[in-house]
Amino acid sequence: MLRFLRRLFSPPAGSDAGTRGENLACEWLQREQGFRLVIRNWRSPVDQREEIDLVFRDGDVLVFVEVKARAANALVPGYHAVDRRKKRALRRAIRAYLATLRPKMRTFRFDVVEVSFAEAGENGLEAEPQVLHFENVPLFTKYFRG
């Protein structure tokens, strides 16, 4: 039972799963969606705890992306791991980022990218990670102005 629980909660083997997931998400969004990277791992100069994983341009839209890397059999999918508490932290970070921009961006959105890592198969080869992209995830009220 303990082995089963460790497998469910432990990150995939290899390098840091979060960094690996961010790298895969960044590459995937550029290749598959045509996004242009603005900045990675932006931290607020006021509060270093406020971080935005990825910031992209999608045409005239600024896209803030939260990346969640998970084992394929994780109990909580990455999309659902962006809970109320995480959204509150992201709102603070995005507000801080938007305050630094001159001129102000008129259009922006929040996306979540979930990267699922499968365990190595019987042949010892690791399966290709699965990338799920959730666009325009509700984060701000419709009356918010950055």
C-alpha atoms as a PDB file:
ATOM      1  CA  MET A   1       0.000   0.000   0.000  1.00  0.00           C
ATOM      2  CA  LEU A   2       2.795   2.424   0.883  1.00  0.00           C
ATOM      3  CA  ARG A   3       4.476   1.767  -2.469  1.00  0.00           C
ATOM      4  CA  PHE A   4       1.197   2.500  -4.259  1.00  0.00           C
ATOM      5  CA  LEU A   5       0.779   5.811  -2.414  1.00  0.00           C
ATOM      6  CA  ARG A   6       4.379   6.851  -3.106  1.00  0.00           C
ATOM      7  CA  ARG A   7       3.822   6.212  -6.799  1.00  0.00           C
ATOM      8  CA  LEU A   8       0.669   8.316  -6.814  1.00  0.00           C
ATOM      9  CA  PHE A   9       2.182  11.308  -5.058  1.00  0.00           C
ATOM     10  CA  SER A  10       5.802  11.261  -6.179  1.00  0.00           C
ATOM     11  CA  PRO A  11       6.967  13.328  -9.140  1.00  0.00           C
ATOM     12  CA  PRO A  12       8.226  11.558 -12.245  1.00  0.00           C
ATOM     13  CA  ALA A  13      11.756  10.216 -12.148  1.00  0.00           C
ATOM     14  CA  GLY A  14      14.522  12.318 -13.650  1.00  0.00           C
ATOM     15  CA  SER A  15      15.058  16.023 -13.341  1.00  0.00           C
ATOM     16  CA  ASP A  16      12.792  18.322 -11.377  1.00  0.00           C
ATOM     17  CA  ALA A  17       9.278  17.598 -12.642  1.00  0.00           C
ATOM     18  CA  GLY A  18       8.139  21.224 -12.373  1.00  0.00           C
ATOM     19  CA  THR A  19      11.018  22.595 -14.424  1.00  0.00           C
ATOM     20  CA  ARG A  20      10.684  19.788 -16.934  1.00  0.00           C
ATOM     21  CA  GLY A  21       6.955  20.436 -17.211  1.00  0.00           C
ATOM     22  CA  GLU A  22       7.503  24.171 -17.738  1.00  0.00           C
ATOM     23  CA  ASN A  23      10.067  23.483 -20.459  1.00  0.00           C
ATOM     24  CA  LEU A  24       7.688  21.112 -22.264  1.00  0.00           C
ATOM     25  CA  ALA A  25       4.747  23.494 -21.901  1.00  0.00           C
ATOM     26  CA  CYS A  26       6.796  26.425 -23.196  1.00  0.00           C
ATOM     27  CA  GLU A  27       8.019  24.493 -26.227  1.00  0.00           C
ATOM     28  CA  TRP A  28       4.537  23.100 -26.932  1.00  0.00           C
ATOM     29  CA  LEU A  29       2.817  26.512 -26.765  1.00  0.00           C
ATOM     30  CA  GLN A  30       5.379  28.015 -29.130  1.00  0.00           C
ATOM     31  CA  ARG A  31       5.291  25.103 -31.577  1.00  0.00           C
ATOM     32  CA  GLU A  32       1.599  24.145 -31.527  1.00  0.00           C
ATOM     33  CA  GLN A  33      -0.129  27.441 -30.715  1.00  0.00           C
ATOM     34  CA  GLY A  34       2.317  29.912 -32.262  1.00  0.00           C
ATOM     35  CA  PHE A  35       2.697  31.888 -29.017  1.00  0.00           C
ATOM     36  CA  ARG A  36       5.702  34.194 -28.590  1.00  0.00           C
ATOM     37  CA  LEU A  37       7.463  33.947 -25.229  1.00  0.00           C
ATOM     38  CA  VAL A  38       7.747  37.216 -23.283  1.00  0.00           C
ATOM     39  CA  ILE A  39       9.232  35.988 -19.989  1.00  0.00           C
ATOM     40  CA  ARG A  40       9.589  32.857 -17.845  1.00  0.00           C
ATOM     41  CA  ASN A  41       9.288  32.632 -14.073  1.00  0.00           C
ATOM     42  CA  TRP A  42       8.569  36.314 -13.517  1.00  0.00           C
ATOM     43  CA  ARG A  43       8.659  37.308  -9.849  1.00  0.00           C
ATOM     44  CA  SER A  44       7.255  40.455  -8.326  1.00  0.00           C
ATOM     45  CA  PRO A  45       9.965  42.877  -7.192  1.00  0.00           C
ATOM     46  CA  VAL A  46       7.822  43.656  -4.127  1.00  0.00           C
ATOM     47  CA  ASP A  47       7.038  40.087  -3.047  1.00  0.00           C
ATOM     48  CA  GLN A  48       9.226  37.274  -4.408  1.00  0.00           C
ATOM     49  CA  ARG A  49       6.526  34.715  -3.561  1.00  0.00           C
ATOM     50  CA  GLU A  50       4.386  36.122  -6.367  1.00  0.00           C
ATOM     51  CA  GLU A  51       5.423  34.237  -9.494  1.00  0.00           C
ATOM     52  CA  ILE A  52       4.051  33.754 -12.988  1.00  0.00           C
ATOM     53  CA  ASP A  53       5.350  30.620 -14.716  1.00  0.00           C
ATOM     54  CA  LEU A  54       5.119  31.814 -18.323  1.00  0.00           C
ATOM     55  CA  VAL A  55       4.017  34.992 -20.082  1.00  0.00           C
ATOM     56  CA  PHE A  56       3.322  34.849 -23.826  1.00  0.00           C
ATOM     57  CA  ARG A  57       1.935  36.991 -26.605  1.00  0.00           C
ATOM     58  CA  ASP A  58      -0.855  35.479 -28.672  1.00  0.00           C
ATOM     59  CA  GLY A  59      -1.263  38.186 -31.295  1.00  0.00           C
ATOM     60  CA  ASP A  60      -2.377  41.277 -29.375  1.00  0.00           C
ATOM     61  CA  VAL A  61      -3.294  39.279 -26.272  1.00  0.00           C
ATOM     62  CA  LEU A  62      -0.964  38.879 -23.302  1.00  0.00           C
ATOM     63  CA  VAL A  63      -1.290  35.313 -21.971  1.00  0.00           C
ATOM     64  CA  PHE A  64      -0.374  34.389 -18.393  1.00  0.00           C
ATOM     65  CA  VAL A  65       0.233  30.656 -18.062  1.00  0.00           C
ATOM     66  CA  GLU A  66       0.322  28.475 -14.954  1.00  0.00           C
ATOM     67  CA  VAL A  67       1.983  25.107 -15.601  1.00  0.00           C
ATOM     68  CA  LYS A  68       1.096  22.050 -13.541  1.00  0.00           C
ATOM     69  CA  ALA A  69       3.212  18.918 -13.976  1.00  0.00           C
ATOM     70  CA  ARG A  70       1.746  15.668 -12.706  1.00  0.00           C
ATOM     71  CA  ALA A  71       2.230  11.941 -12.847  1.00  0.00           C
ATOM     72  CA  ALA A  72      -0.282  10.477 -15.298  1.00  0.00           C
ATOM     73  CA  ASN A  73      -2.052   8.639 -12.480  1.00  0.00           C
ATOM     74  CA  ALA A  74      -2.133  11.575 -10.021  1.00  0.00           C
ATOM     75  CA  LEU A  75      -5.213  11.849  -7.835  1.00  0.00           C
ATOM     76  CA  VAL A  76      -5.691  15.570  -8.570  1.00  0.00           C
ATOM     77  CA  PRO A  77      -5.300  16.686 -12.188  1.00  0.00           C
ATOM     78  CA  GLY A  78      -3.216  19.807 -12.786  1.00  0.00           C
ATOM     79  CA  TYR A  79      -6.185  21.927 -13.838  1.00  0.00           C
ATOM     80  CA  HIS A  80      -7.928  21.284 -10.516  1.00  0.00           C
ATOM     81  CA  ALA A  81      -4.728  21.981  -8.576  1.00  0.00           C
ATOM     82  CA  VAL A  82      -5.211  25.647  -9.497  1.00  0.00           C
ATOM     83  CA  ASP A  83      -7.622  26.122  -6.617  1.00  0.00           C
ATOM     84  CA  ARG A  84      -9.043  29.248  -4.990  1.00  0.00           C
ATOM     85  CA  ARG A  85      -5.890  29.883  -2.947  1.00  0.00           C
ATOM     86  CA  LYS A  86      -3.601  29.519  -5.991  1.00  0.00           C
ATOM     87  CA  LYS A  87      -5.855  31.776  -8.068  1.00  0.00           C
ATOM     88  CA  ARG A  88      -5.696  34.455  -5.374  1.00  0.00           C
ATOM     89  CA  ALA A  89      -1.870  34.337  -5.485  1.00  0.00           C
ATOM     90  CA  LEU A  90      -1.902  34.443  -9.280  1.00  0.00           C
ATOM     91  CA  ARG A  91      -4.237  37.469  -9.301  1.00  0.00           C
ATOM     92  CA  ARG A  92      -1.771  39.336  -7.066  1.00  0.00           C
ATOM     93  CA  ALA A  93       1.176  38.382  -9.279  1.00  0.00           C
ATOM     94  CA  ILE A  94      -0.612  39.303 -12.509  1.00  0.00           C
ATOM     95  CA  ARG A  95      -1.729  42.648 -11.079  1.00  0.00           C
ATOM     96  CA  ALA A  96       1.889  43.356 -10.089  1.00  0.00           C
ATOM     97  CA  TYR A  97       3.114  42.396 -13.564  1.00  0.00           C
ATOM     98  CA  LEU A  98       0.488  44.515 -15.312  1.00  0.00           C
ATOM     99  CA  ALA A  99       1.410  47.503 -13.118  1.00  0.00           C
ATOM    100  CA  THR A 100       4.961  47.392 -14.556  1.00  0.00           C
ATOM    101  CA  LEU A 101       3.816  47.665 -18.184  1.00  0.00           C
ATOM    102  CA  ARG A 102       3.949  50.912 -20.123  1.00  0.00           C
ATOM    103  CA  PRO A 103       1.770  51.265 -22.122  1.00  0.00           C
ATOM    104  CA  LYS A 104      -0.881  49.207 -20.372  1.00  0.00           C
ATOM    105  CA  MET A 105      -2.102  46.022 -22.045  1.00  0.00           C
ATOM    106  CA  ARG A 106      -5.763  46.196 -22.959  1.00  0.00           C
ATOM    107  CA  THR A 107      -6.300  42.481 -23.497  1.00  0.00           C
ATOM    108  CA  PHE A 108      -4.963  39.601 -21.438  1.00  0.00           C
ATOM    109  CA  ARG A 109      -6.064  36.170 -20.310  1.00  0.00           C
ATOM    110  CA  PHE A 110      -5.096  33.330 -18.016  1.00  0.00           C
ATOM    111  CA  ASP A 111      -4.370  29.787 -19.263  1.00  0.00           C
ATOM    112  CA  VAL A 112      -3.465  26.580 -17.463  1.00  0.00           C
ATOM    113  CA  VAL A 113      -1.223  23.955 -19.051  1.00  0.00           C
ATOM    114  CA  GLU A 114      -1.189  20.495 -17.516  1.00  0.00           C
ATOM    115  CA  VAL A 115       1.742  18.207 -18.347  1.00  0.00           C
ATOM    116  CA  SER A 116       1.216  14.539 -17.457  1.00  0.00           C
ATOM    117  CA  PHE A 117       4.203  12.217 -17.214  1.00  0.00           C
ATOM    118  CA  ALA A 118       3.590   8.503 -17.687  1.00  0.00           C
ATOM    119  CA  GLU A 119       5.730   5.887 -15.958  1.00  0.00           C
ATOM    120  CA  ALA A 120       8.290   3.936 -17.930  1.00  0.00           C
ATOM    121  CA  GLY A 121       6.778   0.945 -19.674  1.00  0.00           C
ATOM    122  CA  GLU A 122       7.884  -2.676 -19.550  1.00  0.00           C
ATOM    123  CA  ASN A 123      10.553  -1.941 -22.158  1.00  0.00           C
ATOM    124  CA  GLY A 124      12.040   0.709 -19.851  1.00  0.00           C
ATOM    125  CA  LEU A 125      11.224   3.566 -22.221  1.00  0.00           C
ATOM    126  CA  GLU A 126       9.315   6.529 -20.875  1.00  0.00           C
ATOM    127  CA  ALA A 127       6.078   7.377 -22.691  1.00  0.00           C
ATOM    128  CA  GLU A 128       5.664  10.758 -24.319  1.00  0.00           C
ATOM    129  CA  PRO A 129       4.301  13.350 -21.848  1.00  0.00           C
ATOM    130  CA  GLN A 130       0.765  14.544 -22.515  1.00  0.00           C
ATOM    131  CA  VAL A 131       0.126  18.297 -22.703  1.00  0.00           C
ATOM    132  CA  LEU A 132      -3.370  19.674 -22.044  1.00  0.00           C
ATOM    133  CA  HIS A 133      -3.995  23.375 -22.657  1.00  0.00           C
ATOM    134  CA  PHE A 134      -6.939  25.112 -20.954  1.00  0.00           C
ATOM    135  CA  GLU A 135      -7.481  28.569 -22.467  1.00  0.00           C
ATOM    136  CA  ASN A 136      -9.116  31.577 -20.876  1.00  0.00           C
ATOM    137  CA  VAL A 137      -9.570  30.087 -17.413  1.00  0.00           C
ATOM    138  CA  PRO A 138     -11.685  32.422 -15.226  1.00  0.00           C
ATOM    139  CA  LEU A 139      -9.464  34.387 -12.861  1.00  0.00           C
ATOM    140  CA  PHE A 140     -10.692  37.982 -12.779  1.00  0.00           C
ATOM    141  CA  THR A 141     -14.178  39.449 -12.696  1.00  0.00           C
ATOM    142  CA  LYS A 142     -15.426  40.861 -15.969  1.00  0.00           C
ATOM    143  CA  TYR A 143     -15.074  44.355 -14.495  1.00  0.00           C
ATOM    144  CA  PHE A 144     -11.345  44.056 -13.746  1.00  0.00           C
ATOM    145  CA  ARG A 145      -9.152  46.614 -15.499  1.00  0.00           C
ATOM    146  CA  GLY A 146      -5.399  46.039 -15.352  1.00  0.00           C
END
